[in-house]
Amino acid sequence: MKKKEVGAPTVIVRFLPGTAEDVAKNRAAFQAALEMGLSRLNGCKTAVEPDWEGNKENYCSYRERKLKEQEQSGE
């Protein structure tokens, strides 16, 4: 059976109004969902720190902490 050509998909992007507090709550909820899902997959508690765009301080502090942990463990 031959597939019908339907053309290019339509993508609609909407930006909802929100405060910085709303963004922080959504990010916290997303992070919690990631941690719960990965913890179930791994079979043990798993921490996740997403690198949010525009949050260079979080990324830099996370990277520094991970490098120190690796040095201490001898990896």
C-alpha atoms as a PDB file:
ATOM      1  CA  MET A   1       0.000   0.000   0.000  1.00  0.00           C
ATOM      2  CA  LYS A   2       1.435   3.347  -1.034  1.00  0.00           C
ATOM      3  CA  LYS A   3       1.569   6.091   1.597  1.00  0.00           C
ATOM      4  CA  LYS A   4      -0.189   9.349   0.829  1.00  0.00           C
ATOM      5  CA  GLU A   5       1.923  12.496   0.679  1.00  0.00           C
ATOM      6  CA  VAL A   6       0.547  14.803   3.372  1.00  0.00           C
ATOM      7  CA  GLY A   7       3.042  17.668   3.126  1.00  0.00           C
ATOM      8  CA  ALA A   8       5.155  19.365   5.763  1.00  0.00           C
ATOM      9  CA  PRO A   9       4.049  19.258   9.398  1.00  0.00           C
ATOM     10  CA  THR A  10       2.779  22.445  11.009  1.00  0.00           C
ATOM     11  CA  VAL A  11       4.512  23.549  14.189  1.00  0.00           C
ATOM     12  CA  ILE A  12       2.834  26.040  16.485  1.00  0.00           C
ATOM     13  CA  VAL A  13       4.862  27.657  19.270  1.00  0.00           C
ATOM     14  CA  ARG A  14       3.047  29.504  22.023  1.00  0.00           C
ATOM     15  CA  PHE A  15       4.599  31.428  24.866  1.00  0.00           C
ATOM     16  CA  LEU A  16       2.304  31.594  27.858  1.00  0.00           C
ATOM     17  CA  PRO A  17       2.482  34.544  30.217  1.00  0.00           C
ATOM     18  CA  GLY A  18       4.128  33.698  33.503  1.00  0.00           C
ATOM     19  CA  THR A  19       6.208  35.059  36.309  1.00  0.00           C
ATOM     20  CA  ALA A  20       9.703  34.031  37.325  1.00  0.00           C
ATOM     21  CA  GLU A  21       8.073  32.141  40.205  1.00  0.00           C
ATOM     22  CA  ASP A  22       5.939  30.128  37.750  1.00  0.00           C
ATOM     23  CA  VAL A  23       9.036  29.247  35.730  1.00  0.00           C
ATOM     24  CA  ALA A  24      10.876  28.134  38.875  1.00  0.00           C
ATOM     25  CA  LYS A  25       7.927  25.944  39.941  1.00  0.00           C
ATOM     26  CA  ASN A  26       7.671  24.350  36.486  1.00  0.00           C
ATOM     27  CA  ARG A  27      11.397  23.646  36.409  1.00  0.00           C
ATOM     28  CA  ALA A  28      11.280  22.126  39.897  1.00  0.00           C
ATOM     29  CA  ALA A  29       8.359  19.900  38.892  1.00  0.00           C
ATOM     30  CA  PHE A  30      10.162  18.827  35.708  1.00  0.00           C
ATOM     31  CA  GLN A  31      13.338  18.064  37.658  1.00  0.00           C
ATOM     32  CA  ALA A  32      11.356  16.009  40.196  1.00  0.00           C
ATOM     33  CA  ALA A  33       9.714  14.038  37.382  1.00  0.00           C
ATOM     34  CA  LEU A  34      13.111  13.342  35.787  1.00  0.00           C
ATOM     35  CA  GLU A  35      14.556  12.184  39.105  1.00  0.00           C
ATOM     36  CA  MET A  36      11.589   9.918  39.818  1.00  0.00           C
ATOM     37  CA  GLY A  37      11.709   8.314  36.373  1.00  0.00           C
ATOM     38  CA  LEU A  38      15.470   7.788  36.389  1.00  0.00           C
ATOM     39  CA  SER A  39      15.380   6.475  39.959  1.00  0.00           C
ATOM     40  CA  ARG A  40      12.873   3.830  38.893  1.00  0.00           C
ATOM     41  CA  LEU A  41      14.945   2.891  35.845  1.00  0.00           C
ATOM     42  CA  ASN A  42      18.208   2.730  37.814  1.00  0.00           C
ATOM     43  CA  GLY A  43      16.715   0.972  40.820  1.00  0.00           C
ATOM     44  CA  CYS A  44      18.252   3.514  43.206  1.00  0.00           C
ATOM     45  CA  LYS A  45      17.794   7.176  44.093  1.00  0.00           C
ATOM     46  CA  THR A  46      19.162   9.327  41.274  1.00  0.00           C
ATOM     47  CA  ALA A  47      19.757  13.083  41.424  1.00  0.00           C
ATOM     48  CA  VAL A  48      19.353  15.196  38.297  1.00  0.00           C
ATOM     49  CA  GLU A  49      20.416  18.811  37.728  1.00  0.00           C
ATOM     50  CA  PRO A  50      19.248  19.979  34.290  1.00  0.00           C
ATOM     51  CA  ASP A  51      21.358  22.636  32.593  1.00  0.00           C
ATOM     52  CA  TRP A  52      18.670  25.242  32.016  1.00  0.00           C
ATOM     53  CA  GLU A  53      19.382  27.722  29.247  1.00  0.00           C
ATOM     54  CA  GLY A  54      20.466  31.026  30.701  1.00  0.00           C
ATOM     55  CA  ASN A  55      21.535  29.474  33.996  1.00  0.00           C
ATOM     56  CA  LYS A  56      25.302  29.443  33.624  1.00  0.00           C
ATOM     57  CA  GLU A  57      25.906  29.727  37.386  1.00  0.00           C
ATOM     58  CA  ASN A  58      24.040  26.478  38.054  1.00  0.00           C
ATOM     59  CA  TYR A  59      25.940  24.663  35.317  1.00  0.00           C
ATOM     60  CA  CYS A  60      29.339  25.961  36.451  1.00  0.00           C
ATOM     61  CA  SER A  61      28.787  25.082  40.112  1.00  0.00           C
ATOM     62  CA  TYR A  62      27.502  21.621  39.154  1.00  0.00           C
ATOM     63  CA  ARG A  63      30.504  20.978  36.886  1.00  0.00           C
ATOM     64  CA  GLU A  64      32.965  22.123  39.566  1.00  0.00           C
ATOM     65  CA  ARG A  65      31.325  19.878  42.167  1.00  0.00           C
ATOM     66  CA  LYS A  66      31.394  16.866  39.826  1.00  0.00           C
ATOM     67  CA  LEU A  67      35.067  17.425  38.989  1.00  0.00           C
ATOM     68  CA  LYS A  68      35.923  17.559  42.711  1.00  0.00           C
ATOM     69  CA  GLU A  69      33.955  14.347  43.329  1.00  0.00           C
ATOM     70  CA  GLN A  70      35.838  12.610  40.518  1.00  0.00           C
ATOM     71  CA  GLU A  71      39.199  13.759  41.890  1.00  0.00           C
ATOM     72  CA  GLN A  72      38.336  12.512  45.375  1.00  0.00           C
ATOM     73  CA  SER A  73      37.141   9.133  44.126  1.00  0.00           C
ATOM     74  CA  GLY A  74      40.302   8.699  42.029  1.00  0.00           C
ATOM     75  CA  GLU A  75      38.629   8.369  38.633  1.00  0.00           C
END
